Amino acid sequence: MEDSAIARFRRLIEERLANLDADDALGREGQSVVTLDQQAVGRLSRQDALLSQAMSKATQARRDAQRRALLQALDRIREGEFGYCDDCGDDIAEARLALDPSLQRCVGCASGR
């Protein structure tokens, strides 16, 4: 892969990491502790709040997994291993990496061919 393509993917990864950081800041309020004061909130409202909190935590877990995968992609760039399939060693198509630069397998290996 050419240096210009690597630089483009590095920028894409850094942009996605910045977006995850921004989303984290927005999602913190949804993960706050739910008040279970019977007088302050009705039973259904508490259930809605607990459900919303659970969804916020699940979304945060997905963002954390995405962040780890993107940071691993940056490590692969530094090590000169970015863009190569972990299974067979072939190039991963740039169009595939443009959709998700954290991918570690080519289409063939990912589909089990």
PDB file of N, CA and C in Angstrom:
ATOM      1  N   MET A   1       0.854  -1.166   0.000  1.00  0.00           N
ATOM      2  CA  MET A   1       0.000   0.000   0.000  1.00  0.00           C
ATOM      3  C   MET A   1       0.907   1.238   0.000  1.00  0.00           C
ATOM      4  N   GLU A   2       0.522   2.225  -0.762  1.00  0.00           N
ATOM      5  CA  GLU A   2       1.326   3.438  -0.885  1.00  0.00           C
ATOM      6  C   GLU A   2       1.261   4.281   0.389  1.00  0.00           C
ATOM      7  N   ASP A   3       2.305   5.095   0.575  1.00  0.00           N
ATOM      8  CA  ASP A   3       2.368   5.953   1.757  1.00  0.00           C
ATOM      9  C   ASP A   3       1.198   6.924   1.829  1.00  0.00           C
ATOM     10  N   SER A   4       0.749   7.419   0.666  1.00  0.00           N
ATOM     11  CA  SER A   4      -0.376   8.363   0.668  1.00  0.00           C
ATOM     12  C   SER A   4      -1.657   7.683   1.144  1.00  0.00           C
ATOM     13  N   ALA A   5      -1.838   6.423   0.777  1.00  0.00           N
ATOM     14  CA  ALA A   5      -3.023   5.678   1.227  1.00  0.00           C
ATOM     15  C   ALA A   5      -2.927   5.424   2.733  1.00  0.00           C
ATOM     16  N   ILE A   6      -1.742   5.075   3.209  1.00  0.00           N
ATOM     17  CA  ILE A   6      -1.548   4.852   4.639  1.00  0.00           C
ATOM     18  C   ILE A   6      -1.865   6.139   5.414  1.00  0.00           C
ATOM     19  N   ALA A   7      -1.380   7.266   4.909  1.00  0.00           N
ATOM     20  CA  ALA A   7      -1.643   8.548   5.573  1.00  0.00           C
ATOM     21  C   ALA A   7      -3.140   8.857   5.579  1.00  0.00           C
ATOM     22  N   ARG A   8      -3.809   8.538   4.487  1.00  0.00           N
ATOM     23  CA  ARG A   8      -5.262   8.763   4.398  1.00  0.00           C
ATOM     24  C   ARG A   8      -5.988   7.900   5.434  1.00  0.00           C
ATOM     25  N   PHE A   9      -5.582   6.645   5.571  1.00  0.00           N
ATOM     26  CA  PHE A   9      -6.213   5.760   6.554  1.00  0.00           C
ATOM     27  C   PHE A   9      -5.893   6.200   7.985  1.00  0.00           C
ATOM     28  N   ARG A  10      -4.691   6.694   8.208  1.00  0.00           N
ATOM     29  CA  ARG A  10      -4.338   7.199   9.543  1.00  0.00           C
ATOM     30  C   ARG A  10      -5.257   8.363   9.916  1.00  0.00           C
ATOM     31  N   ARG A  11      -5.467   9.288   8.969  1.00  0.00           N
ATOM     32  CA  ARG A  11      -6.373  10.416   9.225  1.00  0.00           C
ATOM     33  C   ARG A  11      -7.794   9.934   9.483  1.00  0.00           C
ATOM     34  N   LEU A  12      -8.247   8.957   8.703  1.00  0.00           N
ATOM     35  CA  LEU A  12      -9.597   8.405   8.878  1.00  0.00           C
ATOM     36  C   LEU A  12      -9.746   7.785  10.267  1.00  0.00           C
ATOM     37  N   ILE A  13      -8.750   7.032  10.685  1.00  0.00           N
ATOM     38  CA  ILE A  13      -8.786   6.392  12.006  1.00  0.00           C
ATOM     39  C   ILE A  13      -8.792   7.453  13.106  1.00  0.00           C
ATOM     40  N   GLU A  14      -7.934   8.445  12.983  1.00  0.00           N
ATOM     41  CA  GLU A  14      -7.885   9.505  13.998  1.00  0.00           C
ATOM     42  C   GLU A  14      -9.196  10.287  14.052  1.00  0.00           C
ATOM     43  N   GLU A  15      -9.812  10.503  12.898  1.00  0.00           N
ATOM     44  CA  GLU A  15     -11.112  11.185  12.852  1.00  0.00           C
ATOM     45  C   GLU A  15     -12.183  10.348  13.555  1.00  0.00           C
ATOM     46  N   ARG A  16     -12.180   9.059  13.301  1.00  0.00           N
ATOM     47  CA  ARG A  16     -13.164   8.185  13.954  1.00  0.00           C
ATOM     48  C   ARG A  16     -12.940   8.120  15.464  1.00  0.00           C
ATOM     49  N   LEU A  17     -11.684   8.124  15.897  1.00  0.00           N
ATOM     50  CA  LEU A  17     -11.398   8.142  17.324  1.00  0.00           C
ATOM     51  C   LEU A  17     -11.900   9.442  17.963  1.00  0.00           C
ATOM     52  N   ALA A  18     -11.725  10.553  17.268  1.00  0.00           N
ATOM     53  CA  ALA A  18     -12.221  11.834  17.784  1.00  0.00           C
ATOM     54  C   ALA A  18     -13.746  11.821  17.875  1.00  0.00           C
ATOM     55  N   ASN A  19     -14.401  11.225  16.890  1.00  0.00           N
ATOM     56  CA  ASN A  19     -15.866  11.119  16.922  1.00  0.00           C
ATOM     57  C   ASN A  19     -16.328  10.260  18.098  1.00  0.00           C
ATOM     58  N   LEU A  20     -15.593   9.183  18.381  1.00  0.00           N
ATOM     59  CA  LEU A  20     -15.938   8.338  19.526  1.00  0.00           C
ATOM     60  C   LEU A  20     -15.785   9.112  20.832  1.00  0.00           C
ATOM     61  N   ASP A  21     -14.740   9.934  20.915  1.00  0.00           N
ATOM     62  CA  ASP A  21     -14.548  10.748  22.121  1.00  0.00           C
ATOM     63  C   ASP A  21     -15.712  11.717  22.301  1.00  0.00           C
ATOM     64  N   ALA A  22     -16.152  12.331  21.204  1.00  0.00           N
ATOM     65  CA  ALA A  22     -17.285  13.260  21.272  1.00  0.00           C
ATOM     66  C   ALA A  22     -18.555  12.520  21.682  1.00  0.00           C
ATOM     67  N   ASP A  23     -18.762  11.331  21.127  1.00  0.00           N
ATOM     68  CA  ASP A  23     -19.940  10.535  21.496  1.00  0.00           C
ATOM     69  C   ASP A  23     -19.888  10.119  22.961  1.00  0.00           C
ATOM     70  N   ASP A  24     -18.685   9.822  23.463  1.00  0.00           N
ATOM     71  CA  ASP A  24     -18.529   9.475  24.879  1.00  0.00           C
ATOM     72  C   ASP A  24     -19.014  10.614  25.770  1.00  0.00           C
ATOM     73  N   ALA A  25     -18.626  11.823  25.410  1.00  0.00           N
ATOM     74  CA  ALA A  25     -19.021  12.980  26.214  1.00  0.00           C
ATOM     75  C   ALA A  25     -20.540  13.133  26.229  1.00  0.00           C
ATOM     76  N   LEU A  26     -21.185  12.885  25.106  1.00  0.00           N
ATOM     77  CA  LEU A  26     -22.645  12.987  25.038  1.00  0.00           C
ATOM     78  C   LEU A  26     -23.335  11.864  25.805  1.00  0.00           C
ATOM     79  N   GLY A  27     -22.714  10.682  25.833  1.00  0.00           N
ATOM     80  CA  GLY A  27     -23.350   9.524  26.443  1.00  0.00           C
ATOM     81  C   GLY A  27     -23.172   9.402  27.944  1.00  0.00           C
ATOM     82  N   ARG A  28     -22.307  10.205  28.535  1.00  0.00           N
ATOM     83  CA  ARG A  28     -22.047  10.074  29.977  1.00  0.00           C
ATOM     84  C   ARG A  28     -23.290  10.324  30.818  1.00  0.00           C
ATOM     85  N   GLU A  29     -24.099  11.300  30.430  1.00  0.00           N
ATOM     86  CA  GLU A  29     -25.288  11.612  31.221  1.00  0.00           C
ATOM     87  C   GLU A  29     -26.269  10.451  31.234  1.00  0.00           C
ATOM     88  N   GLY A  30     -26.393   9.743  30.126  1.00  0.00           N
ATOM     89  CA  GLY A  30     -27.318   8.620  30.057  1.00  0.00           C
ATOM     90  C   GLY A  30     -26.909   7.436  30.912  1.00  0.00           C
ATOM     91  N   GLN A  31     -25.648   7.403  31.335  1.00  0.00           N
ATOM     92  CA  GLN A  31     -25.158   6.291  32.147  1.00  0.00           C
ATOM     93  C   GLN A  31     -25.171   6.603  33.638  1.00  0.00           C
ATOM     94  N   SER A  32     -25.631   7.779  33.991  1.00  0.00           N
ATOM     95  CA  SER A  32     -25.613   8.164  35.402  1.00  0.00           C
ATOM     96  C   SER A  32     -26.557   7.283  36.215  1.00  0.00           C
ATOM     97  N   VAL A  33     -26.368   7.293  37.502  1.00  0.00           N
ATOM     98  CA  VAL A  33     -27.155   6.467  38.413  1.00  0.00           C
ATOM     99  C   VAL A  33     -28.609   6.913  38.377  1.00  0.00           C
ATOM    100  N   VAL A  34     -29.502   5.943  38.306  1.00  0.00           N
ATOM    101  CA  VAL A  34     -30.933   6.213  38.275  1.00  0.00           C
ATOM    102  C   VAL A  34     -31.443   6.315  39.704  1.00  0.00           C
ATOM    103  N   THR A  35     -32.151   7.401  39.987  1.00  0.00           N
ATOM    104  CA  THR A  35     -32.730   7.598  41.314  1.00  0.00           C
ATOM    105  C   THR A  35     -33.944   6.702  41.469  1.00  0.00           C
ATOM    106  N   LEU A  36     -33.980   5.944  42.548  1.00  0.00           N
ATOM    107  CA  LEU A  36     -35.086   5.019  42.771  1.00  0.00           C
ATOM    108  C   LEU A  36     -36.033   5.520  43.866  1.00  0.00           C
ATOM    109  N   ASP A  37     -36.074   6.810  44.048  1.00  0.00           N
ATOM    110  CA  ASP A  37     -36.948   7.417  45.045  1.00  0.00           C
ATOM    111  C   ASP A  37     -38.403   7.279  44.590  1.00  0.00           C
ATOM    112  N   GLN A  38     -39.168   6.529  45.316  1.00  0.00           N
ATOM    113  CA  GLN A  38     -40.566   6.250  44.987  1.00  0.00           C
ATOM    114  C   GLN A  38     -41.390   7.531  44.870  1.00  0.00           C
ATOM    115  N   GLN A  39     -41.057   8.542  45.672  1.00  0.00           N
ATOM    116  CA  GLN A  39     -41.826   9.785  45.674  1.00  0.00           C
ATOM    117  C   GLN A  39     -41.490  10.655  44.462  1.00  0.00           C
ATOM    118  N   ALA A  40     -40.260  10.568  43.994  1.00  0.00           N
ATOM    119  CA  ALA A  40     -39.820  11.464  42.928  1.00  0.00           C
ATOM    120  C   ALA A  40     -40.218  10.970  41.544  1.00  0.00           C
ATOM    121  N   VAL A  41     -40.236   9.670  41.354  1.00  0.00           N
ATOM    122  CA  VAL A  41     -40.454   9.122  40.021  1.00  0.00           C
ATOM    123  C   VAL A  41     -41.394   7.930  40.123  1.00  0.00           C
ATOM    124  N   GLY A  42     -42.328   7.843  39.207  1.00  0.00           N
ATOM    125  CA  GLY A  42     -43.250   6.704  39.173  1.00  0.00           C
ATOM    126  C   GLY A  42     -42.554   5.441  38.726  1.00  0.00           C
ATOM    127  N   ARG A  43     -43.241   4.298  38.929  1.00  0.00           N
ATOM    128  CA  ARG A  43     -42.646   3.002  38.622  1.00  0.00           C
ATOM    129  C   ARG A  43     -42.285   2.868  37.145  1.00  0.00           C
ATOM    130  N   LEU A  44     -43.183   3.255  36.258  1.00  0.00           N
ATOM    131  CA  LEU A  44     -42.895   3.143  34.824  1.00  0.00           C
ATOM    132  C   LEU A  44     -41.790   4.093  34.393  1.00  0.00           C
ATOM    133  N   SER A  45     -41.764   5.269  34.968  1.00  0.00           N
ATOM    134  CA  SER A  45     -40.701   6.217  34.647  1.00  0.00           C
ATOM    135  C   SER A  45     -39.349   5.680  35.081  1.00  0.00           C
ATOM    136  N   ARG A  46     -39.294   5.021  36.247  1.00  0.00           N
ATOM    137  CA  ARG A  46     -38.042   4.416  36.707  1.00  0.00           C
ATOM    138  C   ARG A  46     -37.617   3.304  35.768  1.00  0.00           C
ATOM    139  N   GLN A  47     -38.568   2.492  35.319  1.00  0.00           N
ATOM    140  CA  GLN A  47     -38.234   1.413  34.387  1.00  0.00           C
ATOM    141  C   GLN A  47     -37.693   1.985  33.085  1.00  0.00           C
ATOM    142  N   ASP A  48     -38.319   3.056  32.601  1.00  0.00           N
ATOM    143  CA  ASP A  48     -37.814   3.709  31.397  1.00  0.00           C
ATOM    144  C   ASP A  48     -36.399   4.238  31.616  1.00  0.00           C
ATOM    145  N   ALA A  49     -36.168   4.826  32.773  1.00  0.00           N
ATOM    146  CA  ALA A  49     -34.839   5.359  33.076  1.00  0.00           C
ATOM    147  C   ALA A  49     -33.810   4.240  33.164  1.00  0.00           C
ATOM    148  N   LEU A  50     -34.177   3.133  33.775  1.00  0.00           N
ATOM    149  CA  LEU A  50     -33.253   1.992  33.874  1.00  0.00           C
ATOM    150  C   LEU A  50     -32.965   1.399  32.497  1.00  0.00           C
ATOM    151  N   LEU A  51     -33.983   1.311  31.659  1.00  0.00           N
ATOM    152  CA  LEU A  51     -33.787   0.804  30.300  1.00  0.00           C
ATOM    153  C   LEU A  51     -32.879   1.738  29.514  1.00  0.00           C
ATOM    154  N   SER A  52     -33.122   3.021  29.637  1.00  0.00           N
ATOM    155  CA  SER A  52     -32.287   4.005  28.952  1.00  0.00           C
ATOM    156  C   SER A  52     -30.839   3.910  29.426  1.00  0.00           C
ATOM    157  N   GLN A  53     -30.648   3.734  30.723  1.00  0.00           N
ATOM    158  CA  GLN A  53     -29.304   3.593  31.271  1.00  0.00           C
ATOM    159  C   GLN A  53     -28.628   2.340  30.706  1.00  0.00           C
ATOM    160  N   ALA A  54     -29.350   1.231  30.650  1.00  0.00           N
ATOM    161  CA  ALA A  54     -28.781  -0.018  30.115  1.00  0.00           C
ATOM    162  C   ALA A  54     -28.394   0.150  28.651  1.00  0.00           C
ATOM    163  N   MET A  55     -29.240   0.835  27.890  1.00  0.00           N
ATOM    164  CA  MET A  55     -28.922   1.059  26.476  1.00  0.00           C
ATOM    165  C   MET A  55     -27.695   1.955  26.335  1.00  0.00           C
ATOM    166  N   SER A  56     -27.577   2.964  27.189  1.00  0.00           N
ATOM    167  CA  SER A  56     -26.406   3.845  27.157  1.00  0.00           C
ATOM    168  C   SER A  56     -25.133   3.077  27.482  1.00  0.00           C
ATOM    169  N   LYS A  57     -25.211   2.182  28.446  1.00  0.00           N
ATOM    170  CA  LYS A  57     -24.035   1.381  28.805  1.00  0.00           C
ATOM    171  C   LYS A  57     -23.650   0.418  27.684  1.00  0.00           C
ATOM    172  N   ALA A  58     -24.641  -0.162  27.023  1.00  0.00           N
ATOM    173  CA  ALA A  58     -24.356  -1.064  25.901  1.00  0.00           C
ATOM    174  C   ALA A  58     -23.721  -0.290  24.743  1.00  0.00           C
ATOM    175  N   THR A  59     -24.229   0.911  24.495  1.00  0.00           N
ATOM    176  CA  THR A  59     -23.660   1.749  23.441  1.00  0.00           C
ATOM    177  C   THR A  59     -22.223   2.115  23.785  1.00  0.00           C
ATOM    178  N   GLN A  60     -21.969   2.415  25.052  1.00  0.00           N
ATOM    179  CA  GLN A  60     -20.611   2.733  25.492  1.00  0.00           C
ATOM    180  C   GLN A  60     -19.679   1.530  25.291  1.00  0.00           C
ATOM    181  N   ALA A  61     -20.168   0.350  25.581  1.00  0.00           N
ATOM    182  CA  ALA A  61     -19.357  -0.862  25.387  1.00  0.00           C
ATOM    183  C   ALA A  61     -18.995  -1.041  23.916  1.00  0.00           C
ATOM    184  N   ARG A  62     -19.952  -0.755  23.022  1.00  0.00           N
ATOM    185  CA  ARG A  62     -19.666  -0.841  21.584  1.00  0.00           C
ATOM    186  C   ARG A  62     -18.621   0.200  21.177  1.00  0.00           C
ATOM    187  N   ARG A  63     -18.756   1.424  21.701  1.00  0.00           N
ATOM    188  CA  ARG A  63     -17.769   2.466  21.392  1.00  0.00           C
ATOM    189  C   ARG A  63     -16.388   2.066  21.906  1.00  0.00           C
ATOM    190  N   ASP A  64     -16.327   1.476  23.095  1.00  0.00           N
ATOM    191  CA  ASP A  64     -15.047   1.034  23.649  1.00  0.00           C
ATOM    192  C   ASP A  64     -14.407  -0.033  22.765  1.00  0.00           C
ATOM    193  N   ALA A  65     -15.209  -0.964  22.269  1.00  0.00           N
ATOM    194  CA  ALA A  65     -14.693  -2.013  21.380  1.00  0.00           C
ATOM    195  C   ALA A  65     -14.195  -1.403  20.068  1.00  0.00           C
ATOM    196  N   GLN A  66     -14.951  -0.436  19.525  1.00  0.00           N
ATOM    197  CA  GLN A  66     -14.519   0.241  18.308  1.00  0.00           C
ATOM    198  C   GLN A  66     -13.211   0.985  18.533  1.00  0.00           C
ATOM    199  N   ARG A  67     -13.110   1.654  19.681  1.00  0.00           N
ATOM    200  CA  ARG A  67     -11.894   2.401  19.995  1.00  0.00           C
ATOM    201  C   ARG A  67     -10.690   1.453  20.066  1.00  0.00           C
ATOM    202  N   ARG A  68     -10.849   0.327  20.741  1.00  0.00           N
ATOM    203  CA  ARG A  68      -9.740  -0.648  20.832  1.00  0.00           C
ATOM    204  C   ARG A  68      -9.320  -1.123  19.441  1.00  0.00           C
ATOM    205  N   ALA A  69     -10.296  -1.422  18.592  1.00  0.00           N
ATOM    206  CA  ALA A  69      -9.987  -1.901  17.240  1.00  0.00           C
ATOM    207  C   ALA A  69      -9.269  -0.822  16.427  1.00  0.00           C
ATOM    208  N   LEU A  70      -9.694   0.426  16.555  1.00  0.00           N
ATOM    209  CA  LEU A  70      -9.043   1.516  15.826  1.00  0.00           C
ATOM    210  C   LEU A  70      -7.630   1.772  16.350  1.00  0.00           C
ATOM    211  N   LEU A  71      -7.448   1.674  17.659  1.00  0.00           N
ATOM    212  CA  LEU A  71      -6.105   1.847  18.213  1.00  0.00           C
ATOM    213  C   LEU A  71      -5.178   0.714  17.767  1.00  0.00           C
ATOM    214  N   GLN A  72      -5.723  -0.488  17.643  1.00  0.00           N
ATOM    215  CA  GLN A  72      -4.923  -1.610  17.127  1.00  0.00           C
ATOM    216  C   GLN A  72      -4.549  -1.359  15.660  1.00  0.00           C
ATOM    217  N   ALA A  73      -5.461  -0.746  14.904  1.00  0.00           N
ATOM    218  CA  ALA A  73      -5.155  -0.418  13.508  1.00  0.00           C
ATOM    219  C   ALA A  73      -4.012   0.594  13.444  1.00  0.00           C
ATOM    220  N   LEU A  74      -4.019   1.586  14.339  1.00  0.00           N
ATOM    221  CA  LEU A  74      -2.900   2.539  14.379  1.00  0.00           C
ATOM    222  C   LEU A  74      -1.596   1.827  14.724  1.00  0.00           C
ATOM    223  N   ASP A  75      -1.664   0.856  15.623  1.00  0.00           N
ATOM    224  CA  ASP A  75      -0.465   0.060  15.940  1.00  0.00           C
ATOM    225  C   ASP A  75       0.032  -0.678  14.702  1.00  0.00           C
ATOM    226  N   ARG A  76      -0.900  -1.249  13.931  1.00  0.00           N
ATOM    227  CA  ARG A  76      -0.502  -1.969  12.706  1.00  0.00           C
ATOM    228  C   ARG A  76       0.133  -1.016  11.698  1.00  0.00           C
ATOM    229  N   ILE A  77      -0.358   0.224  11.639  1.00  0.00           N
ATOM    230  CA  ILE A  77       0.249   1.211  10.745  1.00  0.00           C
ATOM    231  C   ILE A  77       1.690   1.467  11.184  1.00  0.00           C
ATOM    232  N   ARG A  78       1.899   1.686  12.477  1.00  0.00           N
ATOM    233  CA  ARG A  78       3.249   1.949  12.993  1.00  0.00           C
ATOM    234  C   ARG A  78       4.193   0.773  12.734  1.00  0.00           C
ATOM    235  N   GLU A  79       3.655  -0.441  12.807  1.00  0.00           N
ATOM    236  CA  GLU A  79       4.475  -1.639  12.624  1.00  0.00           C
ATOM    237  C   GLU A  79       4.636  -2.033  11.161  1.00  0.00           C
ATOM    238  N   GLY A  80       3.964  -1.316  10.253  1.00  0.00           N
ATOM    239  CA  GLY A  80       4.049  -1.641   8.830  1.00  0.00           C
ATOM    240  C   GLY A  80       3.214  -2.842   8.434  1.00  0.00           C
ATOM    241  N   GLU A  81       2.252  -3.211   9.253  1.00  0.00           N
ATOM    242  CA  GLU A  81       1.415  -4.384   8.997  1.00  0.00           C
ATOM    243  C   GLU A  81      -0.006  -4.025   8.569  1.00  0.00           C
ATOM    244  N   PHE A  82      -0.306  -2.742   8.468  1.00  0.00           N
ATOM    245  CA  PHE A  82      -1.668  -2.318   8.141  1.00  0.00           C
ATOM    246  C   PHE A  82      -2.000  -2.684   6.689  1.00  0.00           C
ATOM    247  N   GLY A  83      -3.213  -3.200   6.510  1.00  0.00           N
ATOM    248  CA  GLY A  83      -3.693  -3.500   5.163  1.00  0.00           C
ATOM    249  C   GLY A  83      -3.411  -4.917   4.709  1.00  0.00           C
ATOM    250  N   TYR A  84      -2.819  -5.722   5.581  1.00  0.00           N
ATOM    251  CA  TYR A  84      -2.540  -7.109   5.251  1.00  0.00           C
ATOM    252  C   TYR A  84      -3.418  -8.021   6.111  1.00  0.00           C
ATOM    253  N   CYS A  85      -3.922  -9.074   5.498  1.00  0.00           N
ATOM    254  CA  CYS A  85      -4.791 -10.029   6.179  1.00  0.00           C
ATOM    255  C   CYS A  85      -4.001 -10.784   7.250  1.00  0.00           C
ATOM    256  N   ASP A  86      -4.568 -10.869   8.442  1.00  0.00           N
ATOM    257  CA  ASP A  86      -3.920 -11.609   9.527  1.00  0.00           C
ATOM    258  C   ASP A  86      -3.865 -13.109   9.248  1.00  0.00           C
ATOM    259  N   ASP A  87      -4.807 -13.622   8.461  1.00  0.00           N
ATOM    260  CA  ASP A  87      -4.864 -15.059   8.204  1.00  0.00           C
ATOM    261  C   ASP A  87      -3.954 -15.489   7.058  1.00  0.00           C
ATOM    262  N   CYS A  88      -4.107 -14.856   5.893  1.00  0.00           N
ATOM    263  CA  CYS A  88      -3.373 -15.319   4.708  1.00  0.00           C
ATOM    264  C   CYS A  88      -2.225 -14.403   4.296  1.00  0.00           C
ATOM    265  N   GLY A  89      -2.203 -13.163   4.826  1.00  0.00           N
ATOM    266  CA  GLY A  89      -1.129 -12.235   4.490  1.00  0.00           C
ATOM    267  C   GLY A  89      -1.358 -11.434   3.232  1.00  0.00           C
ATOM    268  N   ASP A  90      -2.436 -11.707   2.500  1.00  0.00           N
ATOM    269  CA  ASP A  90      -2.737 -10.937   1.295  1.00  0.00           C
ATOM    270  C   ASP A  90      -3.192  -9.530   1.655  1.00  0.00           C
ATOM    271  N   ASP A  91      -3.185  -8.656   0.646  1.00  0.00           N
ATOM    272  CA  ASP A  91      -3.670  -7.292   0.848  1.00  0.00           C
ATOM    273  C   ASP A  91      -5.172  -7.301   1.109  1.00  0.00           C
ATOM    274  N   ILE A  92      -5.598  -6.424   2.014  1.00  0.00           N
ATOM    275  CA  ILE A  92      -7.029  -6.184   2.213  1.00  0.00           C
ATOM    276  C   ILE A  92      -7.384  -5.041   1.272  1.00  0.00           C
ATOM    277  N   ALA A  93      -8.457  -5.187   0.526  1.00  0.00           N
ATOM    278  CA  ALA A  93      -8.855  -4.173  -0.453  1.00  0.00           C
ATOM    279  C   ALA A  93      -9.026  -2.816   0.219  1.00  0.00           C
ATOM    280  N   GLU A  94      -8.506  -1.768  -0.440  1.00  0.00           N
ATOM    281  CA  GLU A  94      -8.606  -0.423   0.122  1.00  0.00           C
ATOM    282  C   GLU A  94     -10.059   0.005   0.288  1.00  0.00           C
ATOM    283  N   ALA A  95     -10.919  -0.413  -0.619  1.00  0.00           N
ATOM    284  CA  ALA A  95     -12.342  -0.070  -0.496  1.00  0.00           C
ATOM    285  C   ALA A  95     -12.928  -0.679   0.773  1.00  0.00           C
ATOM    286  N   ARG A  96     -12.485  -1.874   1.116  1.00  0.00           N
ATOM    287  CA  ARG A  96     -12.943  -2.536   2.347  1.00  0.00           C
ATOM    288  C   ARG A  96     -12.431  -1.792   3.574  1.00  0.00           C
ATOM    289  N   LEU A  97     -11.172  -1.383   3.534  1.00  0.00           N
ATOM    290  CA  LEU A  97     -10.589  -0.640   4.650  1.00  0.00           C
ATOM    291  C   LEU A  97     -11.197   0.753   4.781  1.00  0.00           C
ATOM    292  N   ALA A  98     -11.639   1.324   3.670  1.00  0.00           N
ATOM    293  CA  ALA A  98     -12.274   2.643   3.725  1.00  0.00           C
ATOM    294  C   ALA A  98     -13.581   2.574   4.512  1.00  0.00           C
ATOM    295  N   LEU A  99     -14.264   1.439   4.423  1.00  0.00           N
ATOM    296  CA  LEU A  99     -15.501   1.261   5.191  1.00  0.00           C
ATOM    297  C   LEU A  99     -15.204   1.025   6.663  1.00  0.00           C
ATOM    298  N   ASP A 100     -14.184   0.229   6.934  1.00  0.00           N
ATOM    299  CA  ASP A 100     -13.803  -0.059   8.323  1.00  0.00           C
ATOM    300  C   ASP A 100     -12.294  -0.285   8.373  1.00  0.00           C
ATOM    301  N   PRO A 101     -11.540   0.766   8.731  1.00  0.00           N
ATOM    302  CA  PRO A 101     -10.078   0.637   8.734  1.00  0.00           C
ATOM    303  C   PRO A 101      -9.530  -0.274   9.829  1.00  0.00           C
ATOM    304  N   SER A 102     -10.394  -0.773  10.698  1.00  0.00           N
ATOM    305  CA  SER A 102      -9.920  -1.669  11.756  1.00  0.00           C
ATOM    306  C   SER A 102      -9.956  -3.136  11.333  1.00  0.00           C
ATOM    307  N   LEU A 103     -10.419  -3.411  10.120  1.00  0.00           N
ATOM    308  CA  LEU A 103     -10.508  -4.802   9.656  1.00  0.00           C
ATOM    309  C   LEU A 103      -9.130  -5.440   9.586  1.00  0.00           C
ATOM    310  N   GLN A 104      -9.084  -6.713   9.931  1.00  0.00           N
ATOM    311  CA  GLN A 104      -7.815  -7.433   9.945  1.00  0.00           C
ATOM    312  C   GLN A 104      -7.805  -8.622   8.990  1.00  0.00           C
ATOM    313  N   ARG A 105      -8.917  -8.841   8.291  1.00  0.00           N
ATOM    314  CA  ARG A 105      -8.992  -9.992   7.392  1.00  0.00           C
ATOM    315  C   ARG A 105      -9.523  -9.584   6.030  1.00  0.00           C
ATOM    316  N   CYS A 106      -9.008 -10.227   4.992  1.00  0.00           N
ATOM    317  CA  CYS A 106      -9.505  -9.987   3.637  1.00  0.00           C
ATOM    318  C   CYS A 106     -10.892 -10.609   3.484  1.00  0.00           C
ATOM    319  N   VAL A 107     -11.548 -10.310   2.375  1.00  0.00           N
ATOM    320  CA  VAL A 107     -12.915 -10.822   2.158  1.00  0.00           C
ATOM    321  C   VAL A 107     -12.912 -12.344   2.146  1.00  0.00           C
ATOM    322  N   GLY A 108     -11.943 -12.937   1.483  1.00  0.00           N
ATOM    323  CA  GLY A 108     -11.902 -14.392   1.397  1.00  0.00           C
ATOM    324  C   GLY A 108     -11.804 -15.066   2.747  1.00  0.00           C
ATOM    325  N   CYS A 109     -10.893 -14.598   3.574  1.00  0.00           N
ATOM    326  CA  CYS A 109     -10.719 -15.199   4.901  1.00  0.00           C
ATOM    327  C   CYS A 109     -11.900 -14.875   5.825  1.00  0.00           C
ATOM    328  N   ALA A 110     -12.442 -13.674   5.697  1.00  0.00           N
ATOM    329  CA  ALA A 110     -13.575 -13.298   6.545  1.00  0.00           C
ATOM    330  C   ALA A 110     -14.821 -14.109   6.205  1.00  0.00           C
ATOM    331  N   SER A 111     -14.948 -14.500   4.936  1.00  0.00           N
ATOM    332  CA  SER A 111     -16.123 -15.276   4.532  1.00  0.00           C
ATOM    333  C   SER A 111     -15.885 -16.788   4.613  1.00  0.00           C
ATOM    334  N   GLY A 112     -14.663 -17.173   4.994  1.00  0.00           N
ATOM    335  CA  GLY A 112     -14.368 -18.596   5.165  1.00  0.00           C
ATOM    336  C   GLY A 112     -14.051 -19.336   3.886  1.00  0.00           C
ATOM    337  N   ARG A 113     -13.706 -18.599   2.849  1.00  0.00           N
ATOM    338  CA  ARG A 113     -13.354 -19.256   1.573  1.00  0.00           C
ATOM    339  C   ARG A 113     -11.970 -19.816   1.589  1.00  0.00           C
TER     340      ARG A 113
END
